[in-house]
Amino acid sequence: MDLKDFIGVTEGFPKPGISWKDVSPLLANPEAMHQCITEISAWAKDKGANLVIGPESRGFLFGCPVAYELGLPFGMARKKGKLPGKTYSTSYNLEYGTDVIEIPASSLKKGDRVLLIDDLMATGGTLLALEKLVESVGAEVAGVATVIELTDFDGSKKLNAPFMSLVKYPH
């Protein structure tokens, strides 16, 4: 099954010049979703990870089932102010400004080997920020996986960790 058949593409959304890649059709098809999770899990299996982290919100949709498949805990990475208690946080640049991403301090510790899972890799901003955040705690990113990669943006080349994606588009 070609997973690209289950990615919706909407030109000009959310603004002219953008080609939106939508995982909704993939999520709505149990067989395609199963294949997606199985393929990411197979790639991740030998990475020696003991934790999966996914950024909100679509990273939750793919990270949780991968964590379940691998028998690992899942940690949420959220925008600033969305998590109670002590957090580890880092700011990162967006196209117009900055944002902050946080991880609960209770879910990440020195020496952890972490898999980062998200729906899409473009410029790499969020996943690169998470990689740096994980490393700042003394943990290591064992691998990064996404369902979709927009190859023209070269985001994956900025990462230190091994990277894989299931579906590639030029932009």
Protein backbone atom coordinates (compact mmCIF):
# COMPACT_ATOMS: atom_id res chain seq x y z
CA MET A 1 0.00 0.00 0.00
CA ASP A 2 1.34 3.42 -0.94
CA LEU A 3 0.80 5.70 2.05
CA LYS A 4 0.97 8.73 -0.24
CA ASP A 5 -2.50 7.71 -1.41
CA PHE A 6 -3.71 8.56 2.12
CA ILE A 7 -2.22 12.04 2.38
CA GLY A 8 -4.52 14.87 1.39
CA VAL A 9 -2.94 17.77 -0.50
CA THR A 10 -4.61 21.18 -0.58
CA GLU A 11 -2.90 23.87 -2.64
CA GLY A 12 -3.09 27.45 -1.39
CA PHE A 13 -3.92 26.54 2.21
CA PRO A 14 -3.61 28.15 4.72
CA LYS A 15 -2.37 30.88 2.36
CA PRO A 16 -1.33 31.24 -1.28
CA GLY A 17 1.90 29.45 -2.12
CA ILE A 18 1.49 26.80 0.60
CA SER A 19 0.74 23.18 -0.26
CA TRP A 20 -0.93 21.70 2.84
CA LYS A 21 -0.29 18.02 3.55
CA ASP A 22 -3.15 16.51 5.54
CA VAL A 23 -2.84 13.27 7.53
CA SER A 24 -6.61 13.09 8.19
CA PRO A 25 -7.25 10.51 5.43
CA LEU A 26 -4.43 8.34 6.83
CA LEU A 27 -5.90 8.53 10.33
CA ALA A 28 -9.32 7.61 8.94
CA ASN A 29 -8.05 4.41 7.31
CA PRO A 30 -7.20 1.65 9.83
CA GLU A 31 -5.09 -0.34 7.36
CA ALA A 32 -3.02 2.67 6.29
CA MET A 33 -2.58 3.79 9.91
CA HIS A 34 -1.52 0.27 10.91
CA GLN A 35 1.06 0.20 8.10
CA CYS A 36 2.34 3.64 9.10
CA ILE A 37 2.84 2.66 12.75
CA THR A 38 4.31 -0.73 11.81
CA GLU A 39 6.87 0.82 9.45
CA ILE A 40 7.99 3.51 11.89
CA SER A 41 8.17 0.96 14.72
CA ALA A 42 10.23 -1.47 12.61
CA TRP A 43 12.73 1.30 11.83
CA ALA A 44 12.85 2.43 15.46
CA LYS A 45 13.10 -1.02 17.03
CA ASP A 46 16.91 -1.30 16.92
CA LYS A 47 17.61 2.28 18.06
CA GLY A 48 17.85 1.30 21.73
CA ALA A 49 15.34 3.90 22.85
CA ASN A 50 13.64 3.81 26.24
CA LEU A 51 11.21 6.70 25.59
CA VAL A 52 9.15 8.18 22.75
CA ILE A 53 8.35 11.90 22.67
CA GLY A 54 5.95 13.58 20.24
CA PRO A 55 5.19 17.29 19.87
CA GLU A 56 1.61 18.47 20.06
CA SER A 57 -0.63 17.78 18.53
CA ARG A 58 -0.09 15.51 15.57
CA GLY A 59 3.07 14.06 17.09
CA PHE A 60 0.77 12.61 19.76
CA LEU A 61 -1.27 10.82 17.09
CA PHE A 62 1.74 8.93 15.75
CA GLY A 63 4.06 8.87 18.76
CA CYS A 64 1.62 7.18 21.15
CA PRO A 65 0.92 4.15 18.95
CA VAL A 66 4.63 3.79 18.14
CA ALA A 67 5.43 3.88 21.86
CA TYR A 68 2.74 1.28 22.49
CA GLU A 69 4.03 -0.94 19.68
CA LEU A 70 7.58 -0.74 21.08
CA GLY A 71 6.48 -1.19 24.71
CA LEU A 72 7.89 2.22 25.66
CA PRO A 73 6.52 5.17 27.63
CA PHE A 74 5.33 8.25 25.74
CA GLY A 75 6.16 11.82 26.70
CA MET A 76 4.30 14.89 25.49
CA ALA A 77 6.07 17.97 24.18
CA ARG A 78 3.73 20.93 24.45
CA LYS A 79 3.64 24.64 23.88
CA LYS A 80 4.54 26.86 26.82
CA GLY A 81 2.01 26.99 29.62
CA LYS A 82 0.15 23.78 28.69
CA LEU A 83 1.84 21.50 31.24
CA PRO A 84 1.59 21.65 35.04
CA GLY A 85 4.55 21.24 37.35
CA LYS A 86 8.23 21.43 36.56
CA THR A 87 9.15 21.36 32.88
CA TYR A 88 12.21 21.49 30.69
CA SER A 89 11.76 24.11 27.99
CA THR A 90 13.48 25.73 25.05
CA SER A 91 12.62 28.52 22.67
CA TYR A 92 13.03 28.24 18.94
CA ASN A 93 12.60 30.43 15.89
CA LEU A 94 9.56 30.42 13.68
CA GLU A 95 9.17 32.14 10.34
CA TYR A 96 7.85 35.23 12.15
CA GLY A 97 8.95 35.21 15.78
CA THR A 98 9.70 32.56 18.36
CA ASP A 99 7.89 29.83 20.28
CA VAL A 100 8.62 27.74 23.36
CA ILE A 101 8.24 23.98 23.68
CA GLU A 102 8.19 22.13 27.00
CA ILE A 103 8.50 18.55 28.27
CA PRO A 104 7.43 17.47 31.77
CA ALA A 105 10.59 17.11 33.89
CA SER A 106 9.18 13.85 35.24
CA SER A 107 9.21 12.20 31.80
CA LEU A 108 12.81 12.84 30.77
CA LYS A 109 16.04 12.14 32.61
CA LYS A 110 19.77 12.12 32.03
CA GLY A 111 20.83 9.01 30.11
CA ASP A 112 17.49 8.43 28.38
CA ARG A 113 17.55 7.41 24.70
CA VAL A 114 14.62 9.12 23.02
CA LEU A 115 12.74 8.64 19.77
CA LEU A 116 11.09 11.81 18.45
CA ILE A 117 7.99 11.13 16.34
CA ASP A 118 5.95 13.72 14.43
CA ASP A 119 3.66 13.92 11.42
CA LEU A 120 5.75 16.20 9.21
CA MET A 121 9.32 17.41 8.70
CA ALA A 122 9.71 20.69 6.83
CA THR A 123 12.23 23.25 8.09
CA GLY A 124 12.87 21.13 11.18
CA GLY A 125 12.23 23.91 13.70
CA THR A 126 10.16 21.96 16.22
CA LEU A 127 12.08 18.69 15.99
CA LEU A 128 15.45 20.44 16.08
CA ALA A 129 14.33 22.35 19.19
CA LEU A 130 13.23 19.07 20.79
CA GLU A 131 16.53 17.42 19.90
CA LYS A 132 18.42 20.26 21.59
CA LEU A 133 16.09 20.17 24.59
CA VAL A 134 16.59 16.41 25.06
CA GLU A 135 20.37 16.82 24.78
CA SER A 136 20.37 19.73 27.27
CA VAL A 137 19.02 17.37 29.94
CA GLY A 138 21.82 14.88 29.28
CA ALA A 139 19.67 12.48 27.28
CA GLU A 140 20.25 11.38 23.69
CA VAL A 141 17.99 11.38 20.65
CA ALA A 142 18.21 7.85 19.29
CA GLY A 143 16.20 8.67 16.16
CA VAL A 144 13.63 10.97 14.60
CA ALA A 145 10.78 9.74 12.42
CA THR A 146 7.99 11.51 10.59
CA VAL A 147 5.18 10.36 8.37
CA ILE A 148 5.79 13.12 5.80
CA GLU A 149 8.96 14.93 4.75
CA LEU A 150 9.03 18.08 2.63
CA THR A 151 12.47 17.50 1.12
CA ASP A 152 13.01 20.98 -0.38
CA PHE A 153 13.29 22.47 3.12
CA ASP A 154 16.23 20.22 4.19
CA GLY A 155 14.98 20.14 7.79
CA SER A 156 16.16 16.58 8.37
CA LYS A 157 19.74 17.53 7.45
CA LYS A 158 19.89 19.85 10.47
CA LEU A 159 19.36 17.01 12.95
CA ASN A 160 22.16 15.11 14.67
CA ALA A 161 20.11 11.92 15.09
CA PRO A 162 19.21 9.31 12.45
CA PHE A 163 16.09 10.32 10.54
CA MET A 164 13.43 8.53 8.50
CA SER A 165 10.20 9.51 6.81
CA LEU A 166 7.58 7.38 5.11
CA VAL A 167 6.29 9.77 2.43
CA LYS A 168 8.34 12.43 0.65
CA TYR A 169 7.20 15.53 -1.23
CA PRO A 170 9.41 18.22 -2.76
CA HIS A 171 7.42 20.96 -0.93
